[in-house]
PDB file of N, CA and C in Angstrom:
ATOM      1  N   MET A   1      -5.210   1.925   3.521  1.00  0.00           N
ATOM      2  CA  MET A   1      -4.583   2.436   4.580  1.00  0.00           C
ATOM      3  C   MET A   1      -4.482   3.825   4.306  1.00  0.00           C
ATOM      4  N   VAL A   2      -3.906   3.717   3.398  1.00  0.00           N
ATOM      5  CA  VAL A   2      -3.228   4.877   2.646  1.00  0.00           C
ATOM      6  C   VAL A   2      -4.022   5.640   1.664  1.00  0.00           C
ATOM      7  N   LYS A   3      -3.878   6.792   1.886  1.00  0.00           N
ATOM      8  CA  LYS A   3      -4.834   7.490   1.207  1.00  0.00           C
ATOM      9  C   LYS A   3      -4.566   8.040  -0.071  1.00  0.00           C
ATOM     10  N   ARG A   4      -4.914   7.415  -1.327  1.00  0.00           N
ATOM     11  CA  ARG A   4      -4.463   7.698  -3.410  1.00  0.00           C
ATOM     12  C   ARG A   4      -6.215   8.553  -3.659  1.00  0.00           C
ATOM     13  N   PRO A   5      -5.191   8.558  -4.293  1.00  0.00           N
ATOM     14  CA  PRO A   5      -6.520   9.416  -5.233  1.00  0.00           C
ATOM     15  C   PRO A   5      -7.464   8.345  -6.564  1.00  0.00           C
ATOM     16  N   GLN A   6      -8.189   9.018  -6.757  1.00  0.00           N
ATOM     17  CA  GLN A   6      -9.519   7.859  -7.108  1.00  0.00           C
ATOM     18  C   GLN A   6      -9.099   7.597  -8.845  1.00  0.00           C
ATOM     19  N   ALA A   7      -8.360   8.527  -9.507  1.00  0.00           N
ATOM     20  CA  ALA A   7      -8.167   8.462 -10.514  1.00  0.00           C
ATOM     21  C   ALA A   7      -6.381   9.397 -10.918  1.00  0.00           C
ATOM     22  N   ILE A   8      -6.022   8.517 -11.634  1.00  0.00           N
ATOM     23  CA  ILE A   8      -4.448   9.045 -12.025  1.00  0.00           C
ATOM     24  C   ILE A   8      -4.372   9.538 -13.233  1.00  0.00           C
ATOM     25  N   LEU A   9      -3.627  10.068 -13.988  1.00  0.00           N
ATOM     26  CA  LEU A   9      -3.126  10.277 -15.681  1.00  0.00           C
ATOM     27  C   LEU A   9      -1.854  10.186 -15.240  1.00  0.00           C
ATOM     28  N   VAL A  10      -1.396   8.996 -15.984  1.00  0.00           N
ATOM     29  CA  VAL A  10      -0.011   8.503 -15.766  1.00  0.00           C
ATOM     30  C   VAL A  10       0.849   8.822 -17.947  1.00  0.00           C
ATOM     31  N   ASN A  11       1.936   8.966 -17.526  1.00  0.00           N
ATOM     32  CA  ASN A  11       2.879   9.455 -18.292  1.00  0.00           C
ATOM     33  C   ASN A  11       4.183   8.693 -18.650  1.00  0.00           C
ATOM     34  N   TYR A  12       4.067   7.770 -19.400  1.00  0.00           N
ATOM     35  CA  TYR A  12       5.579   7.073 -19.844  1.00  0.00           C
ATOM     36  C   TYR A  12       6.139   6.710 -20.814  1.00  0.00           C
ATOM     37  N   LEU A  13       6.607   6.005 -21.315  1.00  0.00           N
ATOM     38  CA  LEU A  13       8.016   5.887 -22.351  1.00  0.00           C
ATOM     39  C   LEU A  13       7.210   3.925 -22.833  1.00  0.00           C
ATOM     40  N   ASP A  14       6.492   3.731 -23.569  1.00  0.00           N
ATOM     41  CA  ASP A  14       6.344   2.264 -24.217  1.00  0.00           C
ATOM     42  C   ASP A  14       7.458   1.332 -24.557  1.00  0.00           C
ATOM     43  N   GLU A  15       7.505   0.302 -24.544  1.00  0.00           N
ATOM     44  CA  GLU A  15       8.935  -0.682 -25.085  1.00  0.00           C
ATOM     45  C   GLU A  15       9.703  -0.133 -26.804  1.00  0.00           C
ATOM     46  N   PHE A  16       8.869   0.635 -26.910  1.00  0.00           N
ATOM     47  CA  PHE A  16       9.335   1.196 -28.141  1.00  0.00           C
ATOM     48  C   PHE A  16       9.936   2.912 -28.290  1.00  0.00           C
ATOM     49  N   GLY A  17      10.176   3.713 -26.846  1.00  0.00           N
ATOM     50  CA  GLY A  17      10.548   4.771 -26.229  1.00  0.00           C
ATOM     51  C   GLY A  17       8.867   5.810 -26.868  1.00  0.00           C
ATOM     52  N   LYS A  18       8.350   5.259 -27.248  1.00  0.00           N
ATOM     53  CA  LYS A  18       7.402   6.089 -27.597  1.00  0.00           C
ATOM     54  C   LYS A  18       6.663   6.490 -26.578  1.00  0.00           C
ATOM     55  N   GLU A  19       6.520   8.119 -26.076  1.00  0.00           N
ATOM     56  CA  GLU A  19       5.275   8.023 -25.273  1.00  0.00           C
ATOM     57  C   GLU A  19       3.847   8.116 -24.943  1.00  0.00           C
ATOM     58  N   GLN A  20       3.445   7.592 -23.916  1.00  0.00           N
ATOM     59  CA  GLN A  20       2.484   7.295 -23.635  1.00  0.00           C
ATOM     60  C   GLN A  20       1.764   7.811 -22.494  1.00  0.00           C
ATOM     61  N   GLU A  21       0.216   8.250 -22.783  1.00  0.00           N
ATOM     62  CA  GLU A  21      -0.488   8.678 -21.787  1.00  0.00           C
ATOM     63  C   GLU A  21      -1.868   7.813 -21.558  1.00  0.00           C
ATOM     64  N   HIS A  22      -1.840   7.815 -20.291  1.00  0.00           N
ATOM     65  CA  HIS A  22      -3.202   6.123 -19.893  1.00  0.00           C
ATOM     66  C   HIS A  22      -3.878   7.085 -18.385  1.00  0.00           C
ATOM     67  N   LYS A  23      -4.952   7.346 -18.747  1.00  0.00           N
ATOM     68  CA  LYS A  23      -5.601   7.350 -17.264  1.00  0.00           C
ATOM     69  C   LYS A  23      -6.519   5.987 -16.640  1.00  0.00           C
ATOM     70  N   MET A  24      -6.037   6.279 -15.327  1.00  0.00           N
ATOM     71  CA  MET A  24      -6.352   4.758 -14.714  1.00  0.00           C
ATOM     72  C   MET A  24      -7.312   5.335 -13.581  1.00  0.00           C
ATOM     73  N   HIS A  25      -8.159   4.708 -12.736  1.00  0.00           N
ATOM     74  CA  HIS A  25      -9.301   4.858 -11.950  1.00  0.00           C
ATOM     75  C   HIS A  25      -9.318   3.350 -11.290  1.00  0.00           C
ATOM     76  N   ASP A  26      -9.970   4.379 -10.045  1.00  0.00           N
ATOM     77  CA  ASP A  26     -10.227   3.168  -8.609  1.00  0.00           C
ATOM     78  C   ASP A  26      -8.951   2.364  -8.583  1.00  0.00           C
ATOM     79  N   PHE A  27      -9.360   0.905  -8.387  1.00  0.00           N
ATOM     80  CA  PHE A  27      -8.546  -0.483  -8.037  1.00  0.00           C
ATOM     81  C   PHE A  27      -7.242  -0.123  -8.943  1.00  0.00           C
ATOM     82  N   PRO A  28      -7.096  -0.198 -10.254  1.00  0.00           N
ATOM     83  CA  PRO A  28      -6.145   0.471 -10.940  1.00  0.00           C
ATOM     84  C   PRO A  28      -4.941   1.098 -10.419  1.00  0.00           C
ATOM     85  N   ALA A  29      -5.831   2.559 -10.467  1.00  0.00           N
ATOM     86  CA  ALA A  29      -4.519   3.477 -10.021  1.00  0.00           C
ATOM     87  C   ALA A  29      -4.082   3.084  -8.392  1.00  0.00           C
ATOM     88  N   ARG A  30      -4.759   2.744  -8.041  1.00  0.00           N
ATOM     89  CA  ARG A  30      -4.337   2.219  -6.589  1.00  0.00           C
ATOM     90  C   ARG A  30      -3.386   1.839  -6.401  1.00  0.00           C
ATOM     91  N   VAL A  31      -3.282   0.897  -8.024  1.00  0.00           N
ATOM     92  CA  VAL A  31      -2.288  -0.658  -7.529  1.00  0.00           C
ATOM     93  C   VAL A  31      -1.102   0.425  -7.850  1.00  0.00           C
ATOM     94  N   PHE A  32      -1.247   0.942  -9.697  1.00  0.00           N
ATOM     95  CA  PHE A  32      -0.634   1.394  -9.584  1.00  0.00           C
ATOM     96  C   PHE A  32       0.824   1.997  -8.951  1.00  0.00           C
ATOM     97  N   LEU A  33       0.500   3.070  -8.330  1.00  0.00           N
ATOM     98  CA  LEU A  33       0.458   3.576  -7.050  1.00  0.00           C
ATOM     99  C   LEU A  33       0.987   3.529  -6.403  1.00  0.00           C
ATOM    100  N   HIS A  34       0.919   2.053  -5.467  1.00  0.00           N
ATOM    101  CA  HIS A  34       1.158   1.045  -4.704  1.00  0.00           C
ATOM    102  C   HIS A  34       2.610   0.697  -4.862  1.00  0.00           C
ATOM    103  N   GLU A  35       2.503   0.379  -6.323  1.00  0.00           N
ATOM    104  CA  GLU A  35       3.966  -0.060  -6.796  1.00  0.00           C
ATOM    105  C   GLU A  35       5.081   1.030  -7.305  1.00  0.00           C
ATOM    106  N   LEU A  36       4.263   2.132  -7.986  1.00  0.00           N
ATOM    107  CA  LEU A  36       5.202   3.318  -7.843  1.00  0.00           C
ATOM    108  C   LEU A  36       6.200   3.384  -6.652  1.00  0.00           C
ATOM    109  N   ASP A  37       5.389   3.784  -6.160  1.00  0.00           N
ATOM    110  CA  ASP A  37       5.450   3.753  -4.473  1.00  0.00           C
ATOM    111  C   ASP A  37       7.185   2.521  -4.112  1.00  0.00           C
ATOM    112  N   HIS A  38       6.552   1.685  -4.404  1.00  0.00           N
ATOM    113  CA  HIS A  38       8.111   0.799  -4.275  1.00  0.00           C
ATOM    114  C   HIS A  38       9.617   1.452  -4.576  1.00  0.00           C
ATOM    115  N   ILE A  39       9.217   1.187  -6.180  1.00  0.00           N
ATOM    116  CA  ILE A  39      10.301   1.698  -6.896  1.00  0.00           C
ATOM    117  C   ILE A  39      10.729   2.833  -6.470  1.00  0.00           C
ATOM    118  N   GLU A  40      10.358   3.931  -6.184  1.00  0.00           N
ATOM    119  CA  GLU A  40      10.757   4.760  -5.566  1.00  0.00           C
ATOM    120  C   GLU A  40      11.245   4.466  -4.061  1.00  0.00           C
ATOM    121  N   GLY A  41      11.179   3.519  -3.740  1.00  0.00           N
ATOM    122  CA  GLY A  41      11.667   3.014  -2.277  1.00  0.00           C
ATOM    123  C   GLY A  41      11.076   3.522  -1.423  1.00  0.00           C
ATOM    124  N   ARG A  42       9.981   3.507  -1.361  1.00  0.00           N
ATOM    125  CA  ARG A  42       8.477   4.297   0.231  1.00  0.00           C
ATOM    126  C   ARG A  42       8.031   2.930   0.719  1.00  0.00           C
ATOM    127  N   THR A  43       8.367   2.658   1.289  1.00  0.00           N
ATOM    128  CA  THR A  43       7.474   1.778   2.022  1.00  0.00           C
ATOM    129  C   THR A  43       6.327   1.643   3.305  1.00  0.00           C
ATOM    130  N   MET A  44       5.799   1.285   3.554  1.00  0.00           N
ATOM    131  CA  MET A  44       4.663   1.254   4.928  1.00  0.00           C
ATOM    132  C   MET A  44       5.007   2.089   5.694  1.00  0.00           C
ATOM    133  N   THR A  45       6.468   1.864   5.997  1.00  0.00           N
ATOM    134  CA  THR A  45       6.973   2.528   7.125  1.00  0.00           C
ATOM    135  C   THR A  45       7.084   4.058   7.007  1.00  0.00           C
ATOM    136  N   HIS A  46       6.789   4.404   5.510  1.00  0.00           N
ATOM    137  CA  HIS A  46       6.894   5.583   5.389  1.00  0.00           C
ATOM    138  C   HIS A  46       5.493   6.146   5.609  1.00  0.00           C
ATOM    139  N   TRP A  47       4.532   6.062   5.906  1.00  0.00           N
ATOM    140  CA  TRP A  47       3.239   6.306   5.864  1.00  0.00           C
ATOM    141  C   TRP A  47       2.797   6.481   7.020  1.00  0.00           C
ATOM    142  N   LYS A  48       2.224   7.762   7.302  1.00  0.00           N
ATOM    143  CA  LYS A  48       2.006   7.786   9.298  1.00  0.00           C
ATOM    144  C   LYS A  48       0.392   6.469   8.529  1.00  0.00           C
ATOM    145  N   ILE A  49       0.478   6.011   9.759  1.00  0.00           N
ATOM    146  CA  ILE A  49      -0.411   4.804   9.564  1.00  0.00           C
ATOM    147  C   ILE A  49      -1.772   4.811  10.876  1.00  0.00           C
ATOM    148  N   SER A  50      -2.638   4.782  10.762  1.00  0.00           N
ATOM    149  CA  SER A  50      -3.759   4.428  12.124  1.00  0.00           C
ATOM    150  C   SER A  50      -3.751   3.315  12.184  1.00  0.00           C
ATOM    151  N   GLU A  51      -2.891   2.773  14.132  1.00  0.00           N
ATOM    152  CA  GLU A  51      -2.901   1.709  13.937  1.00  0.00           C
ATOM    153  C   GLU A  51      -4.460   0.837  14.332  1.00  0.00           C
ATOM    154  N   GLY A  52      -5.665   1.665  14.189  1.00  0.00           N
ATOM    155  CA  GLY A  52      -7.337   0.659  14.237  1.00  0.00           C
ATOM    156  C   GLY A  52      -7.303   0.469  12.898  1.00  0.00           C
ATOM    157  N   ASN A  53      -6.425   0.582  12.218  1.00  0.00           N
ATOM    158  CA  ASN A  53      -6.670  -0.019  10.603  1.00  0.00           C
ATOM    159  C   ASN A  53      -5.736  -1.138  10.549  1.00  0.00           C
ATOM    160  N   ILE A  54      -5.219  -1.373  11.754  1.00  0.00           N
ATOM    161  CA  ILE A  54      -4.195  -2.697  11.485  1.00  0.00           C
ATOM    162  C   ILE A  54      -4.665  -3.647  12.786  1.00  0.00           C
ATOM    163  N   ASP A  55      -5.891  -4.640  12.286  1.00  0.00           N
ATOM    164  CA  ASP A  55      -6.481  -5.563  12.988  1.00  0.00           C
ATOM    165  C   ASP A  55      -7.407  -6.319  12.692  1.00  0.00           C
ATOM    166  N   ILE A  56      -7.282  -7.733  13.210  1.00  0.00           N
ATOM    167  CA  ILE A  56      -8.141  -8.384  12.569  1.00  0.00           C
ATOM    168  C   ILE A  56      -9.403  -8.853  13.398  1.00  0.00           C
ATOM    169  N   ILE A  57     -10.390  -9.049  12.538  1.00  0.00           N
ATOM    170  CA  ILE A  57     -12.091  -9.015  13.432  1.00  0.00           C
ATOM    171  C   ILE A  57     -11.613 -10.324  14.489  1.00  0.00           C
ATOM    172  N   PRO A  58     -11.789  -9.596  15.962  1.00  0.00           N
ATOM    173  CA  PRO A  58     -11.607 -10.874  17.111  1.00  0.00           C
ATOM    174  C   PRO A  58     -12.618 -12.053  16.767  1.00  0.00           C
ATOM    175  N   GLY A  59     -11.771 -13.414  16.905  1.00  0.00           N
ATOM    176  CA  GLY A  59     -12.635 -14.306  16.666  1.00  0.00           C
ATOM    177  C   GLY A  59     -12.502 -15.016  15.987  1.00  0.00           C
ATOM    178  N   LYS A  60     -11.442 -14.502  14.320  1.00  0.00           N
ATOM    179  CA  LYS A  60     -11.783 -14.645  13.057  1.00  0.00           C
ATOM    180  C   LYS A  60     -10.018 -15.130  13.308  1.00  0.00           C
ATOM    181  N   GLU A  61      -9.274 -14.916  14.403  1.00  0.00           N
ATOM    182  CA  GLU A  61      -7.651 -14.795  13.972  1.00  0.00           C
ATOM    183  C   GLU A  61      -6.762 -16.417  13.906  1.00  0.00           C
ATOM    184  N   ASP A  62      -7.907 -17.160  14.098  1.00  0.00           N
ATOM    185  CA  ASP A  62      -7.516 -18.682  13.460  1.00  0.00           C
ATOM    186  C   ASP A  62      -7.744 -18.617  11.981  1.00  0.00           C
ATOM    187  N   THR A  63      -8.444 -18.202  11.680  1.00  0.00           N
ATOM    188  CA  THR A  63      -9.030 -18.900  10.364  1.00  0.00           C
ATOM    189  C   THR A  63      -7.742 -17.794   9.516  1.00  0.00           C
ATOM    190  N   HIS A  64      -6.902 -16.480   9.915  1.00  0.00           N
ATOM    191  CA  HIS A  64      -6.442 -15.568   9.249  1.00  0.00           C
ATOM    192  C   HIS A  64      -4.889 -15.809   9.765  1.00  0.00           C
ATOM    193  N   ARG A  65      -4.113 -17.588  10.240  1.00  0.00           N
ATOM    194  CA  ARG A  65      -3.311 -17.123  11.285  1.00  0.00           C
ATOM    195  C   ARG A  65      -2.311 -16.141  10.268  1.00  0.00           C
ATOM    196  N   HIS A  66      -1.949 -16.905   9.018  1.00  0.00           N
ATOM    197  CA  HIS A  66      -0.739 -16.542   8.377  1.00  0.00           C
ATOM    198  C   HIS A  66      -1.139 -14.620   8.028  1.00  0.00           C
ATOM    199  N   LEU A  67      -2.039 -13.751   8.504  1.00  0.00           N
ATOM    200  CA  LEU A  67      -2.546 -12.857   8.479  1.00  0.00           C
ATOM    201  C   LEU A  67      -1.992 -11.760   9.585  1.00  0.00           C
ATOM    202  N   MET A  68      -2.749 -12.981  10.468  1.00  0.00           N
ATOM    203  CA  MET A  68      -2.054 -12.084  12.192  1.00  0.00           C
ATOM    204  C   MET A  68      -0.310 -11.792  12.637  1.00  0.00           C
ATOM    205  N   THR A  69       0.297 -12.552  11.500  1.00  0.00           N
ATOM    206  CA  THR A  69       2.116 -12.895  12.006  1.00  0.00           C
ATOM    207  C   THR A  69       2.035 -11.371  11.183  1.00  0.00           C
ATOM    208  N   THR A  70       1.809 -10.813   9.856  1.00  0.00           N
ATOM    209  CA  THR A  70       1.615  -9.537   9.108  1.00  0.00           C
ATOM    210  C   THR A  70       1.524  -8.732   9.635  1.00  0.00           C
ATOM    211  N   VAL A  71       0.427  -8.659  10.563  1.00  0.00           N
ATOM    212  CA  VAL A  71      -0.360  -7.608  11.582  1.00  0.00           C
ATOM    213  C   VAL A  71       0.647  -7.661  12.772  1.00  0.00           C
ATOM    214  N   ASP A  72       1.030  -8.441  13.574  1.00  0.00           N
ATOM    215  CA  ASP A  72       2.257  -8.126  14.777  1.00  0.00           C
ATOM    216  C   ASP A  72       3.024  -7.719  14.404  1.00  0.00           C
ATOM    217  N   PHE A  73       3.619  -8.070  13.256  1.00  0.00           N
ATOM    218  CA  PHE A  73       5.023  -7.450  12.448  1.00  0.00           C
ATOM    219  C   PHE A  73       5.106  -5.774  12.514  1.00  0.00           C
ATOM    220  N   TYR A  74       3.007  -5.351  11.880  1.00  0.00           N
ATOM    221  CA  TYR A  74       3.609  -4.180  11.227  1.00  0.00           C
ATOM    222  C   TYR A  74       3.506  -3.310  12.952  1.00  0.00           C
ATOM    223  N   LYS A  75       2.740  -3.958  14.338  1.00  0.00           N
ATOM    224  CA  LYS A  75       2.258  -3.488  14.793  1.00  0.00           C
ATOM    225  C   LYS A  75       2.907  -2.518  15.366  1.00  0.00           C
ATOM    226  N   ASP A  76       4.408  -4.398  15.546  1.00  0.00           N
ATOM    227  CA  ASP A  76       5.889  -3.920  16.397  1.00  0.00           C
ATOM    228  C   ASP A  76       6.339  -2.795  15.414  1.00  0.00           C
ATOM    229  N   LYS A  77       6.657  -2.996  14.305  1.00  0.00           N
ATOM    230  CA  LYS A  77       7.179  -1.501  13.256  1.00  0.00           C
ATOM    231  C   LYS A  77       6.528   0.249  14.020  1.00  0.00           C
ATOM    232  N   ILE A  78       5.258  -0.123  14.005  1.00  0.00           N
ATOM    233  CA  ILE A  78       4.794   0.932  14.232  1.00  0.00           C
ATOM    234  C   ILE A  78       5.103   1.233  15.750  1.00  0.00           C
ATOM    235  N   SER A  79       5.504   0.791  16.928  1.00  0.00           N
ATOM    236  CA  SER A  79       5.598   1.027  17.843  1.00  0.00           C
ATOM    237  C   SER A  79       6.951   1.358  18.399  1.00  0.00           C
ATOM    238  N   GLU A  80       7.714   0.559  17.614  1.00  0.00           N
ATOM    239  CA  GLU A  80       9.412   1.311  17.050  1.00  0.00           C
ATOM    240  C   GLU A  80      10.025   2.571  16.728  1.00  0.00           C
ATOM    241  N   MET A  81       8.346   2.436  16.111  1.00  0.00           N
ATOM    242  CA  MET A  81       8.876   4.526  15.472  1.00  0.00           C
ATOM    243  C   MET A  81       8.254   5.728  16.227  1.00  0.00           C
ATOM    244  N   LYS A  82       7.239   4.924  17.077  1.00  0.00           N
ATOM    245  CA  LYS A  82       6.679   6.039  17.970  1.00  0.00           C
ATOM    246  C   LYS A  82       7.934   5.949  19.308  1.00  0.00           C
ATOM    247  N   GLU A  83       8.713   5.125  19.478  1.00  0.00           N
ATOM    248  CA  GLU A  83       9.301   5.100  20.596  1.00  0.00           C
ATOM    249  C   GLU A  83      10.822   6.108  19.565  1.00  0.00           C
TER     250      GLU A  83
END
């Protein structure tokens, strides 16, 4: 649900203190930025979220019961933020 670039250039220090540079594309770039958000203290509640993107396909709720609790949790959070 969070828009992210398709490619990023990452500079970091490796375990030996040597500066490294790495280009990431597609899914690895998305995962890296997602985890960086957590390291910097950003969570899902910091992003603008479209409610239409948080749903289970009608009729599939029983096969995704564990996911439904997560969906319900974030729908409640969105409602709280709107208030």
